[in-house]
N, C-alpha and C. Protein backbone atom coordinates (compact mmCIF):
# COMPACT_ATOMS: atom_id res chain seq x y z
N MET A 1 26.12 -1.52 -40.11
CA MET A 1 24.96 -2.16 -40.21
C MET A 1 24.44 -2.59 -38.78
N GLU A 2 25.32 -3.09 -37.93
CA GLU A 2 24.89 -3.48 -36.59
C GLU A 2 24.38 -2.01 -35.82
N ASP A 3 25.06 -0.98 -36.12
CA ASP A 3 24.55 0.19 -35.30
C ASP A 3 23.31 0.62 -35.81
N SER A 4 22.91 0.42 -37.18
CA SER A 4 21.63 0.66 -37.62
C SER A 4 20.44 -0.32 -37.03
N GLU A 5 20.82 -1.54 -36.92
CA GLU A 5 19.92 -2.50 -36.29
C GLU A 5 19.69 -2.23 -34.79
N ASP A 6 20.91 -1.79 -34.13
CA ASP A 6 20.67 -1.54 -32.72
C ASP A 6 19.85 -0.29 -32.46
N GLY A 7 19.85 0.83 -33.47
CA GLY A 7 19.17 1.91 -33.41
C GLY A 7 17.76 1.65 -33.52
N GLN A 8 17.37 0.73 -34.64
CA GLN A 8 16.05 0.36 -34.88
C GLN A 8 15.53 -0.26 -33.69
N ARG A 9 16.22 -1.21 -33.10
CA ARG A 9 15.66 -1.93 -31.86
C ARG A 9 15.38 -0.91 -30.72
N GLY A 10 16.26 0.20 -30.56
CA GLY A 10 16.22 1.06 -29.45
C GLY A 10 14.99 1.88 -29.77
N ASN A 11 14.73 2.29 -30.98
CA ASN A 11 13.61 3.00 -31.36
C ASN A 11 12.27 2.24 -31.05
N GLY A 12 12.30 0.98 -31.35
CA GLY A 12 11.18 0.10 -31.30
C GLY A 12 10.83 -0.04 -29.75
N LEU A 13 11.82 -0.20 -28.86
CA LEU A 13 11.71 -0.16 -27.48
C LEU A 13 11.07 1.11 -26.93
N THR A 14 11.69 2.05 -27.37
CA THR A 14 11.17 3.49 -26.94
C THR A 14 9.60 3.65 -27.35
N ARG A 15 9.26 3.23 -28.50
CA ARG A 15 7.87 3.35 -28.91
C ARG A 15 7.02 2.53 -28.18
N ALA A 16 7.48 1.21 -27.95
CA ALA A 16 6.77 0.22 -27.15
C ALA A 16 6.49 0.87 -25.66
N ILE A 17 7.56 1.38 -25.07
CA ILE A 17 7.32 1.92 -23.65
C ILE A 17 6.40 3.16 -23.84
N LYS A 18 6.61 4.00 -24.78
CA LYS A 18 5.62 5.06 -24.87
C LYS A 18 4.27 4.74 -25.14
N ASP A 19 3.99 3.75 -25.88
CA ASP A 19 2.69 3.08 -26.15
C ASP A 19 2.11 2.53 -24.95
N ARG A 20 2.91 1.84 -24.08
CA ARG A 20 2.42 1.22 -22.73
C ARG A 20 2.00 2.32 -21.85
N LEU A 21 2.82 3.41 -21.66
CA LEU A 21 2.54 4.53 -20.77
C LEU A 21 1.30 5.27 -21.29
N ASP A 22 1.09 5.49 -22.61
CA ASP A 22 -0.06 5.98 -23.20
C ASP A 22 -1.38 5.10 -22.73
N SER A 23 -1.23 3.87 -22.84
CA SER A 23 -2.41 2.90 -22.49
C SER A 23 -2.60 3.01 -20.94
N VAL A 24 -1.60 3.14 -20.17
CA VAL A 24 -1.90 3.34 -18.63
C VAL A 24 -2.61 4.52 -18.50
N SER A 25 -2.15 5.71 -19.00
CA SER A 25 -2.71 6.99 -18.77
C SER A 25 -4.11 6.87 -19.22
N THR A 26 -4.39 6.22 -20.30
CA THR A 26 -5.98 6.17 -20.75
C THR A 26 -6.71 5.32 -19.86
N TYR A 27 -6.27 4.31 -19.39
CA TYR A 27 -6.93 3.46 -18.47
C TYR A 27 -7.23 4.19 -17.21
N LEU A 28 -6.17 4.97 -16.67
CA LEU A 28 -6.63 5.61 -15.45
C LEU A 28 -7.53 6.84 -15.58
N ARG A 29 -7.46 7.39 -16.71
CA ARG A 29 -8.53 8.42 -17.18
C ARG A 29 -9.79 7.86 -17.26
N VAL A 30 -9.95 6.76 -17.98
CA VAL A 30 -11.29 6.08 -18.20
C VAL A 30 -11.94 5.69 -16.85
N THR A 31 -11.23 5.09 -15.88
CA THR A 31 -11.66 4.65 -14.71
C THR A 31 -11.67 5.82 -13.56
N GLY A 32 -11.00 6.90 -13.75
CA GLY A 32 -11.06 7.95 -12.93
C GLY A 32 -10.29 7.41 -11.52
N ALA A 33 -9.21 6.50 -11.73
CA ALA A 33 -8.57 5.91 -10.56
C ALA A 33 -7.49 6.65 -9.86
N GLN A 34 -7.17 7.82 -10.43
CA GLN A 34 -5.74 8.51 -10.06
C GLN A 34 -5.92 8.79 -8.60
N LYS A 35 -7.10 9.39 -8.10
CA LYS A 35 -7.12 9.80 -6.74
C LYS A 35 -7.14 8.67 -5.83
N ILE A 36 -7.95 7.67 -6.24
CA ILE A 36 -7.94 6.40 -5.37
C ILE A 36 -6.58 5.76 -5.24
N ILE A 37 -5.74 5.82 -6.28
CA ILE A 37 -4.52 5.10 -6.11
C ILE A 37 -3.50 6.15 -5.29
N ARG A 38 -3.62 7.38 -5.47
CA ARG A 38 -2.99 8.19 -4.64
C ARG A 38 -3.24 8.02 -3.07
N ARG A 39 -4.64 7.80 -2.82
CA ARG A 39 -5.00 7.57 -1.47
C ARG A 39 -4.36 6.09 -0.88
N TYR A 40 -4.36 5.23 -1.72
CA TYR A 40 -3.87 4.04 -1.39
C TYR A 40 -2.36 3.94 -1.06
N PHE A 41 -1.61 4.72 -1.96
CA PHE A 41 -0.21 4.85 -1.70
C PHE A 41 0.16 5.61 -0.40
N ALA A 42 -0.52 6.81 -0.29
CA ALA A 42 -0.28 7.49 0.94
C ALA A 42 -0.64 6.92 2.21
N MET A 43 -1.81 6.16 2.25
CA MET A 43 -2.31 5.59 3.39
C MET A 43 -1.46 4.31 3.83
N ASN A 44 -0.97 3.55 2.84
CA ASN A 44 -0.22 2.36 3.15
C ASN A 44 1.34 2.73 3.31
N ALA A 45 1.73 3.81 2.72
CA ALA A 45 3.11 4.30 3.03
C ALA A 45 3.31 4.71 4.24
N PHE A 46 2.21 5.45 4.91
CA PHE A 46 2.15 5.79 6.26
C PHE A 46 2.17 4.74 7.24
N ASP A 47 1.34 3.68 6.87
CA ASP A 47 1.52 2.41 7.70
C ASP A 47 2.70 1.87 7.86
N GLY A 48 3.34 1.73 6.63
CA GLY A 48 4.77 1.14 6.59
C GLY A 48 5.77 1.77 7.33
N ALA A 49 5.87 3.26 7.33
CA ALA A 49 6.82 3.92 8.24
C ALA A 49 6.53 3.86 9.52
N MET A 50 5.17 3.98 9.92
CA MET A 50 4.84 4.00 11.38
C MET A 50 5.13 2.68 11.94
N THR A 51 4.89 1.44 11.17
CA THR A 51 5.09 0.19 11.66
C THR A 51 6.59 -0.04 11.87
N SER A 52 7.39 0.43 10.88
CA SER A 52 8.80 0.24 10.91
C SER A 52 9.34 1.06 12.28
N LEU A 53 8.87 2.15 12.41
CA LEU A 53 9.37 3.07 13.68
C LEU A 53 8.92 2.30 14.87
N GLY A 54 7.74 1.73 14.96
CA GLY A 54 7.38 0.98 16.23
C GLY A 54 8.22 -0.25 16.42
N VAL A 55 8.57 -1.01 15.30
CA VAL A 55 9.37 -2.04 15.35
C VAL A 55 10.80 -1.67 15.96
N VAL A 56 11.35 -0.63 15.47
CA VAL A 56 12.64 -0.23 15.84
C VAL A 56 12.69 0.23 17.29
N ILE A 57 11.59 1.02 17.77
CA ILE A 57 11.58 1.49 19.18
C ILE A 57 11.27 0.23 20.14
N GLY A 58 10.46 -0.66 19.69
CA GLY A 58 10.19 -1.81 20.47
C GLY A 58 11.54 -2.76 20.47
N SER A 59 12.11 -2.88 19.65
CA SER A 59 13.37 -3.65 19.62
C SER A 59 14.51 -2.94 20.52
N TRP A 60 14.53 -1.67 20.47
CA TRP A 60 15.54 -1.08 21.27
C TRP A 60 15.18 -1.25 22.82
N LEU A 61 13.89 -0.95 23.13
CA LEU A 61 13.43 -1.13 24.49
C LEU A 61 13.36 -2.44 24.98
N SER A 62 13.38 -3.45 24.04
CA SER A 62 13.42 -4.93 24.43
C SER A 62 14.86 -5.34 24.62
N GLY A 63 15.80 -4.42 24.29
CA GLY A 63 17.21 -4.74 24.53
C GLY A 63 17.85 -5.63 23.30
N ILE A 64 17.12 -5.70 22.14
CA ILE A 64 17.73 -6.47 21.17
C ILE A 64 19.07 -5.68 20.65
N ALA A 65 20.03 -6.59 20.50
CA ALA A 65 21.30 -5.98 20.16
C ALA A 65 22.04 -6.68 18.96
N THR A 66 21.18 -7.35 18.12
CA THR A 66 21.57 -7.83 16.96
C THR A 66 20.93 -7.24 15.66
N PRO A 67 21.74 -6.62 14.87
CA PRO A 67 21.04 -5.80 13.73
C PRO A 67 20.21 -6.78 12.78
N ALA A 68 20.75 -7.88 12.56
CA ALA A 68 20.05 -8.90 11.77
C ALA A 68 18.64 -9.22 12.17
N SER A 69 18.39 -9.16 13.64
CA SER A 69 17.29 -9.51 14.11
C SER A 69 16.25 -8.46 13.81
N VAL A 70 16.65 -7.12 13.96
CA VAL A 70 15.85 -6.06 13.72
C VAL A 70 15.35 -5.97 12.12
N ILE A 71 16.43 -6.21 11.49
CA ILE A 71 16.06 -6.13 9.95
C ILE A 71 15.14 -7.18 9.64
N SER A 72 15.28 -8.30 10.02
CA SER A 72 14.25 -9.48 9.89
C SER A 72 12.91 -9.10 10.24
N VAL A 73 12.74 -8.49 11.42
CA VAL A 73 11.36 -8.13 12.01
C VAL A 73 10.82 -7.13 10.95
N ILE A 74 11.71 -5.93 10.61
CA ILE A 74 11.07 -4.89 9.72
C ILE A 74 10.61 -5.45 8.46
N LEU A 75 11.68 -6.17 7.76
CA LEU A 75 11.25 -6.78 6.45
C LEU A 75 10.15 -7.75 6.44
N THR A 76 9.93 -8.49 7.51
CA THR A 76 8.86 -9.45 7.67
C THR A 76 7.54 -8.61 7.75
N SER A 77 7.63 -7.61 8.73
CA SER A 77 6.37 -6.78 8.72
C SER A 77 6.04 -6.07 7.36
N GLY A 78 7.14 -5.58 6.79
CA GLY A 78 6.99 -5.08 5.33
C GLY A 78 6.33 -5.93 4.41
N VAL A 79 6.95 -7.14 4.38
CA VAL A 79 6.34 -8.24 3.45
C VAL A 79 4.99 -8.61 3.71
N ALA A 80 4.71 -8.72 5.00
CA ALA A 80 3.28 -8.98 5.37
C ALA A 80 2.25 -7.97 4.93
N MET A 81 2.70 -6.74 5.14
CA MET A 81 1.81 -5.66 4.73
C MET A 81 1.56 -5.65 3.08
N MET A 82 2.86 -5.99 2.56
CA MET A 82 2.71 -5.96 1.01
C MET A 82 1.63 -7.03 0.59
N VAL A 83 2.02 -8.17 0.93
CA VAL A 83 1.08 -9.40 0.61
C VAL A 83 -0.48 -9.04 1.00
N SER A 84 -0.64 -8.61 2.12
CA SER A 84 -2.02 -8.20 2.59
C SER A 84 -2.57 -7.10 1.72
N GLY A 85 -1.87 -6.02 1.53
CA GLY A 85 -2.29 -4.95 0.77
C GLY A 85 -2.53 -5.30 -0.68
N PHE A 86 -1.77 -6.05 -1.34
CA PHE A 86 -1.97 -6.39 -2.62
C PHE A 86 -3.28 -7.38 -2.85
N SER A 87 -3.26 -8.31 -1.86
CA SER A 87 -4.43 -9.26 -2.12
C SER A 87 -5.78 -8.55 -1.68
N GLY A 88 -5.90 -7.82 -0.77
CA GLY A 88 -6.96 -7.10 -0.24
C GLY A 88 -7.47 -6.12 -1.28
N THR A 89 -6.51 -5.31 -1.75
CA THR A 89 -6.92 -4.25 -2.71
C THR A 89 -7.37 -4.86 -4.05
N TYR A 90 -6.70 -5.94 -4.45
CA TYR A 90 -7.05 -6.66 -5.77
C TYR A 90 -8.45 -7.05 -5.69
N MET A 91 -8.70 -7.79 -4.63
CA MET A 91 -10.10 -8.34 -4.56
C MET A 91 -11.16 -7.37 -4.39
N THR A 92 -10.78 -6.23 -3.57
CA THR A 92 -11.86 -5.13 -3.53
C THR A 92 -12.01 -4.44 -4.73
N GLU A 93 -10.80 -3.95 -5.37
CA GLU A 93 -11.04 -3.27 -6.67
C GLU A 93 -11.64 -4.12 -7.79
N SER A 94 -11.26 -5.33 -7.84
CA SER A 94 -11.70 -6.27 -8.89
C SER A 94 -13.23 -6.34 -8.71
N ALA A 95 -13.59 -6.51 -7.51
CA ALA A 95 -15.06 -6.68 -7.27
C ALA A 95 -15.85 -5.22 -7.72
N GLU A 96 -15.24 -4.22 -7.30
CA GLU A 96 -15.82 -2.86 -7.69
C GLU A 96 -15.86 -2.70 -9.13
N ARG A 97 -14.68 -3.00 -9.74
CA ARG A 97 -14.70 -2.59 -11.14
C ARG A 97 -15.73 -3.60 -11.97
N ASN A 98 -15.81 -4.81 -11.66
CA ASN A 98 -16.70 -5.74 -12.19
C ASN A 98 -18.10 -5.23 -12.13
N HIS A 99 -18.46 -4.82 -10.79
CA HIS A 99 -19.70 -4.41 -10.59
C HIS A 99 -20.12 -3.22 -11.38
N SER A 100 -19.18 -2.40 -11.53
CA SER A 100 -19.37 -0.92 -12.28
C SER A 100 -19.69 -1.36 -13.91
N LEU A 101 -18.87 -2.29 -14.27
CA LEU A 101 -18.83 -2.71 -15.59
C LEU A 101 -20.18 -3.52 -15.94
N ASN A 102 -20.66 -4.25 -15.00
CA ASN A 102 -21.87 -5.04 -15.26
C ASN A 102 -23.13 -3.99 -15.21
N GLU A 103 -22.96 -2.93 -14.38
CA GLU A 103 -24.12 -2.01 -14.41
C GLU A 103 -24.15 -1.30 -15.81
N LEU A 104 -22.87 -0.94 -16.23
CA LEU A 104 -22.81 -0.18 -17.50
C LEU A 104 -23.36 -1.17 -18.76
N GLU A 105 -22.97 -2.49 -18.59
CA GLU A 105 -23.48 -3.40 -19.60
C GLU A 105 -24.97 -3.64 -19.58
N ASP A 106 -25.47 -3.51 -18.50
CA ASP A 106 -26.96 -3.83 -18.16
C ASP A 106 -27.58 -2.50 -18.96
N ALA A 107 -27.04 -1.25 -18.67
CA ALA A 107 -27.75 -0.14 -19.07
C ALA A 107 -27.51 0.00 -20.64
N MET A 108 -26.50 -0.54 -21.22
CA MET A 108 -26.23 -0.47 -22.61
C MET A 108 -26.78 -1.64 -23.42
N LEU A 109 -26.94 -2.80 -22.72
CA LEU A 109 -27.27 -4.12 -23.31
C LEU A 109 -26.16 -4.57 -24.31
N VAL A 110 -25.00 -4.39 -23.87
CA VAL A 110 -23.87 -4.92 -24.54
C VAL A 110 -22.64 -5.42 -23.91
N ASP A 111 -21.97 -6.51 -24.22
CA ASP A 111 -20.91 -6.92 -23.45
C ASP A 111 -19.74 -6.10 -23.86
N LEU A 112 -19.18 -5.58 -22.73
CA LEU A 112 -18.00 -4.53 -22.71
C LEU A 112 -16.71 -5.29 -22.15
N ASP A 113 -16.76 -6.39 -22.07
CA ASP A 113 -15.41 -7.15 -21.55
C ASP A 113 -14.29 -6.78 -22.33
N ASP A 114 -14.31 -6.90 -23.52
CA ASP A 114 -13.19 -6.69 -24.43
C ASP A 114 -12.98 -5.21 -24.92
N THR A 115 -13.82 -4.40 -24.30
CA THR A 115 -13.65 -2.95 -24.80
C THR A 115 -12.65 -2.25 -23.86
N ILE A 116 -12.33 -1.13 -24.15
CA ILE A 116 -11.39 -0.29 -23.25
C ILE A 116 -11.89 -0.18 -21.93
N TYR A 117 -13.35 -0.23 -21.60
CA TYR A 117 -13.69 -0.05 -20.25
C TYR A 117 -13.48 -1.38 -19.52
N GLY A 118 -13.58 -2.52 -20.12
CA GLY A 118 -13.11 -3.72 -19.58
C GLY A 118 -11.80 -3.98 -19.25
N LYS A 119 -11.02 -3.61 -20.16
CA LYS A 119 -9.41 -3.76 -20.06
C LYS A 119 -8.99 -2.70 -19.10
N ALA A 120 -9.64 -1.49 -19.02
CA ALA A 120 -9.12 -0.51 -17.98
C ALA A 120 -9.61 -1.03 -16.62
N GLY A 121 -10.64 -1.58 -16.37
CA GLY A 121 -11.09 -2.13 -15.17
C GLY A 121 -9.95 -3.23 -14.62
N ARG A 122 -9.77 -4.05 -15.45
CA ARG A 122 -8.75 -5.09 -15.13
C ARG A 122 -7.41 -4.57 -14.77
N PHE A 123 -6.90 -3.68 -15.59
CA PHE A 123 -5.66 -3.16 -15.31
C PHE A 123 -5.59 -2.34 -13.98
N VAL A 124 -6.58 -1.55 -13.90
CA VAL A 124 -6.64 -0.75 -12.52
C VAL A 124 -6.66 -1.62 -11.33
N SER A 125 -7.35 -2.66 -11.46
CA SER A 125 -7.36 -3.72 -10.22
C SER A 125 -6.07 -4.15 -9.86
N VAL A 126 -5.14 -4.44 -10.92
CA VAL A 126 -3.98 -4.82 -10.58
C VAL A 126 -2.86 -3.85 -10.30
N PHE A 127 -3.08 -2.66 -11.00
CA PHE A 127 -2.15 -1.55 -10.64
C PHE A 127 -2.45 -0.92 -9.32
N ALA A 128 -3.63 -0.70 -8.87
CA ALA A 128 -4.06 -0.39 -7.70
C ALA A 128 -3.45 -1.34 -6.50
N ALA A 129 -3.56 -2.56 -6.68
CA ALA A 129 -3.07 -3.53 -5.90
C ALA A 129 -1.57 -3.61 -5.68
N PHE A 130 -0.83 -3.28 -6.79
CA PHE A 130 0.61 -3.16 -6.78
C PHE A 130 1.02 -1.92 -6.05
N VAL A 131 0.35 -0.95 -6.24
CA VAL A 131 0.63 0.38 -5.43
C VAL A 131 0.48 0.18 -3.96
N ASP A 132 -0.69 -0.33 -3.73
CA ASP A 132 -1.17 -0.46 -2.32
C ASP A 132 -0.14 -1.59 -1.71
N GLY A 133 0.23 -2.58 -2.31
CA GLY A 133 1.17 -3.57 -1.72
C GLY A 133 2.59 -3.15 -1.55
N SER A 134 3.18 -2.43 -2.65
CA SER A 134 4.55 -1.75 -2.46
C SER A 134 4.78 -0.68 -1.46
N ALA A 135 3.73 0.14 -1.39
CA ALA A 135 3.98 1.37 -0.62
C ALA A 135 4.39 1.07 0.83
N PRO A 136 3.84 0.27 1.53
CA PRO A 136 4.34 -0.05 2.95
C PRO A 136 5.72 -0.63 3.02
N PHE A 137 5.90 -1.49 2.07
CA PHE A 137 7.27 -2.19 1.96
C PHE A 137 8.35 -1.09 1.65
N LEU A 138 8.06 -0.33 0.64
CA LEU A 138 9.25 0.68 0.26
C LEU A 138 9.37 1.84 1.41
N ALA A 139 8.29 1.97 2.15
CA ALA A 139 8.49 3.01 3.25
C ALA A 139 9.22 2.46 4.27
N SER A 140 9.40 1.14 4.37
CA SER A 140 10.10 0.51 5.53
C SER A 140 11.50 0.43 5.19
N ILE A 141 11.97 0.56 3.96
CA ILE A 141 13.42 0.48 3.52
C ILE A 141 14.18 1.46 4.32
N PRO A 142 13.93 2.81 4.48
CA PRO A 142 14.84 3.60 5.24
C PRO A 142 15.26 3.26 6.46
N ALA A 143 14.21 2.60 7.17
CA ALA A 143 14.31 2.11 8.69
C ALA A 143 15.41 0.96 8.70
N VAL A 144 15.57 0.13 7.55
CA VAL A 144 16.49 -0.88 7.39
C VAL A 144 17.94 -0.39 7.20
N ILE A 145 18.16 0.48 6.37
CA ILE A 145 19.54 0.90 5.98
C ILE A 145 20.45 1.11 7.05
N PRO A 146 20.24 1.65 8.13
CA PRO A 146 21.06 1.97 9.28
C PRO A 146 21.72 0.76 9.75
N PHE A 147 20.83 -0.39 9.94
CA PHE A 147 21.28 -1.66 10.41
C PHE A 147 22.11 -2.39 9.47
N LEU A 148 22.18 -1.93 8.31
CA LEU A 148 23.17 -2.53 7.37
C LEU A 148 24.60 -1.96 7.32
N LEU A 149 24.80 -0.85 8.08
CA LEU A 149 26.00 -0.17 8.19
C LEU A 149 26.80 -0.72 9.43
N SER A 150 27.70 -1.60 9.13
CA SER A 150 28.42 -2.09 10.23
C SER A 150 29.31 -1.29 10.86
N SER A 151 29.54 -0.10 10.46
CA SER A 151 30.42 0.73 11.01
C SER A 151 29.77 1.45 12.22
N LEU A 152 28.50 1.64 12.32
CA LEU A 152 27.70 2.09 13.43
C LEU A 152 27.59 1.29 14.61
N ALA A 153 27.62 1.98 15.79
CA ALA A 153 27.44 1.20 16.93
C ALA A 153 25.91 0.89 17.12
N ILE A 154 25.33 -0.16 17.83
CA ILE A 154 23.94 -0.75 17.65
C ILE A 154 23.08 0.45 18.01
N GLN A 155 23.52 1.15 19.27
CA GLN A 155 22.54 2.21 19.73
C GLN A 155 22.51 3.49 18.79
N THR A 156 23.52 3.72 18.04
CA THR A 156 23.46 4.73 16.88
C THR A 156 22.60 4.17 15.77
N MET A 157 22.55 2.82 15.53
CA MET A 157 21.83 2.33 14.48
C MET A 157 20.23 2.58 14.76
N PHE A 158 19.91 2.33 16.07
CA PHE A 158 18.50 2.69 16.52
C PHE A 158 18.12 4.09 16.23
N ILE A 159 19.11 4.93 16.76
CA ILE A 159 18.72 6.38 16.57
C ILE A 159 18.67 6.69 15.14
N VAL A 160 19.54 6.49 14.37
CA VAL A 160 19.39 6.78 12.86
C VAL A 160 18.30 6.20 12.21
N SER A 161 17.99 4.93 12.63
CA SER A 161 16.81 4.16 11.97
C SER A 161 15.59 5.11 12.26
N SER A 162 15.41 5.56 13.45
CA SER A 162 14.07 6.20 14.05
C SER A 162 14.05 7.44 13.29
N VAL A 163 15.21 8.10 13.15
CA VAL A 163 15.12 9.38 12.40
C VAL A 163 14.85 9.31 10.90
N ALA A 164 15.36 8.17 10.37
CA ALA A 164 15.01 7.81 8.94
C ALA A 164 13.51 7.57 8.89
N SER A 165 12.96 7.02 9.78
CA SER A 165 11.44 6.65 9.58
C SER A 165 10.69 8.06 9.75
N LEU A 166 11.09 8.88 10.47
CA LEU A 166 10.54 10.22 10.88
C LEU A 166 10.77 11.10 9.54
N LEU A 167 11.85 10.99 8.93
CA LEU A 167 12.03 11.68 7.66
C LEU A 167 11.23 11.12 6.49
N THR A 168 10.96 9.76 6.55
CA THR A 168 10.00 9.25 5.50
C THR A 168 8.56 9.79 5.91
N LEU A 169 8.25 9.82 7.09
CA LEU A 169 6.98 10.44 7.53
C LEU A 169 6.79 11.93 6.93
N PHE A 170 7.89 12.60 7.16
CA PHE A 170 7.81 14.08 6.77
C PHE A 170 7.76 14.21 5.19
N ALA A 171 8.50 13.35 4.51
CA ALA A 171 8.36 13.39 3.02
C ALA A 171 6.98 13.09 2.50
N LEU A 172 6.29 12.16 3.31
CA LEU A 172 4.96 11.61 2.81
C LEU A 172 4.06 12.83 3.17
N GLY A 173 4.31 13.55 4.42
CA GLY A 173 3.50 14.82 4.57
C GLY A 173 3.68 15.92 3.56
N ILE A 174 4.95 16.02 3.07
CA ILE A 174 5.19 16.94 2.06
C ILE A 174 4.30 16.64 0.76
N TYR A 175 4.29 15.18 0.47
CA TYR A 175 3.57 14.79 -0.81
C TYR A 175 2.02 15.11 -0.64
N LEU A 176 1.53 14.68 0.61
CA LEU A 176 0.07 15.06 0.84
C LEU A 176 -0.09 16.49 0.90
N GLY A 177 0.77 17.33 1.33
CA GLY A 177 0.56 18.89 1.36
C GLY A 177 0.52 19.30 -0.03
N THR A 178 1.42 18.74 -0.90
CA THR A 178 1.36 19.15 -2.28
C THR A 178 0.00 18.72 -2.97
N ILE A 179 -0.62 17.58 -2.63
CA ILE A 179 -1.75 17.26 -3.16
C ILE A 179 -2.97 18.20 -2.75
N SER A 180 -2.88 18.35 -1.50
CA SER A 180 -3.99 18.95 -0.94
C SER A 180 -4.01 20.52 -1.16
N GLY A 181 -2.72 21.05 -1.37
CA GLY A 181 -2.59 22.54 -1.41
C GLY A 181 -2.22 23.10 -0.15
N GLU A 182 -2.07 22.28 0.96
CA GLU A 182 -1.77 22.69 2.28
C GLU A 182 -0.37 23.22 2.32
N ASN A 183 0.21 23.89 3.40
CA ASN A 183 1.39 24.30 3.67
C ASN A 183 2.30 22.92 3.66
N ILE A 184 3.25 22.71 2.77
CA ILE A 184 3.94 21.47 2.91
C ILE A 184 4.71 21.25 4.09
N PHE A 185 5.21 22.25 4.65
CA PHE A 185 6.00 21.94 5.99
C PHE A 185 5.17 21.72 7.14
N TYR A 186 4.02 22.37 7.06
CA TYR A 186 3.01 22.00 8.17
C TYR A 186 2.53 20.72 8.00
N SER A 187 2.20 20.21 6.86
CA SER A 187 1.70 18.78 6.52
C SER A 187 2.81 17.86 7.04
N GLY A 188 4.02 18.15 6.55
CA GLY A 188 5.05 17.29 6.97
C GLY A 188 5.35 17.08 8.38
N ALA A 189 5.16 18.25 9.01
CA ALA A 189 5.36 18.31 10.80
C ALA A 189 4.31 17.53 11.39
N LYS A 190 3.03 17.60 10.72
CA LYS A 190 1.94 16.74 11.38
C LYS A 190 2.26 15.24 11.36
N MET A 191 2.83 14.78 10.23
CA MET A 191 3.29 13.45 10.00
C MET A 191 4.33 13.12 11.14
N VAL A 192 5.30 13.94 11.20
CA VAL A 192 6.43 13.69 12.38
C VAL A 192 5.80 13.70 13.67
N VAL A 193 4.90 14.42 13.97
CA VAL A 193 4.29 14.60 15.30
C VAL A 193 3.58 13.20 15.54
N SER A 194 2.98 12.56 14.57
CA SER A 194 2.26 11.47 14.64
C SER A 194 3.42 10.18 14.91
N GLY A 195 4.43 10.39 14.31
CA GLY A 195 5.59 9.42 14.65
C GLY A 195 5.98 9.48 15.95
N ILE A 196 6.36 10.69 16.43
CA ILE A 196 6.67 11.02 17.84
C ILE A 196 5.84 10.53 18.86
N ALA A 197 4.55 10.65 18.56
CA ALA A 197 3.47 9.98 19.42
C ALA A 197 3.68 8.64 19.72
N VAL A 198 3.96 7.80 18.41
CA VAL A 198 4.01 6.51 18.65
C VAL A 198 5.13 6.20 19.54
N ALA A 199 6.39 6.98 19.49
CA ALA A 199 7.59 6.71 20.22
C ALA A 199 7.22 6.92 21.69
N ILE A 200 6.48 8.06 22.01
CA ILE A 200 6.17 8.35 23.42
C ILE A 200 5.08 7.32 23.96
N ILE A 201 4.19 6.78 23.17
CA ILE A 201 3.30 5.67 23.63
C ILE A 201 4.03 4.39 24.03
N ALA A 202 5.07 4.08 23.18
CA ALA A 202 5.83 2.92 23.25
C ALA A 202 6.70 2.97 24.54
N LEU A 203 7.22 4.32 24.97
CA LEU A 203 8.06 4.48 26.21
C LEU A 203 7.18 4.27 27.25
N LEU A 204 6.12 4.92 27.24
CA LEU A 204 5.17 4.80 28.50
C LEU A 204 4.59 3.52 28.74
N LEU A 205 4.33 2.67 27.73
CA LEU A 205 3.97 1.27 27.81
C LEU A 205 5.16 0.50 28.55
N ASN A 206 6.38 0.84 28.02
CA ASN A 206 7.39 0.13 28.50
C ASN A 206 7.65 0.46 29.97
N ALA A 207 7.36 1.71 30.44
CA ALA A 207 7.72 2.08 31.70
C ALA A 207 6.84 1.33 32.76
N HIS A 208 5.69 0.87 32.30
CA HIS A 208 4.71 0.17 33.10
C HIS A 208 4.81 -1.36 32.86
């Protein structure tokens, strides 16, 4: 009897998740927001990885030898970008979606707030903001992990963290190459070159 009830609850949960995913797919299709959200993710993940790389290199050049200090700066930067990205994107997307909905309402002479168009606009504003906000924070995590490994020497932590950020940039380049149809390794290499350029600039600035 209990097994039957557990099975029914499991099936109910599965259906609820499927229905929710179907709703999300419908909202994205109605608003045509897939491309915009992809751009938000790629752009802000790039910012997160590059910022983390800059923090790591800057910390190394400044002679910071405490892993906790580096972790704190990386995570603080990531959280700041996350909050900024979420709030900025939400306000921008909400304004744009409301404007589009108002124009459609004026053309049709009907209130669309409780229709699928109104619901889709509100959902996409929050969803796009979530993607925009989470992307830079998630992209900064690989740079943090080496500083959590107490078995590594501090200099090794800096090296491994820098490599992790470059690999994050390479993975992001592959993702963009997949979307654009460009050679994925070439696309990834371009991202890595951008990261190396940041490192070189930091070294040149420190030299002066």
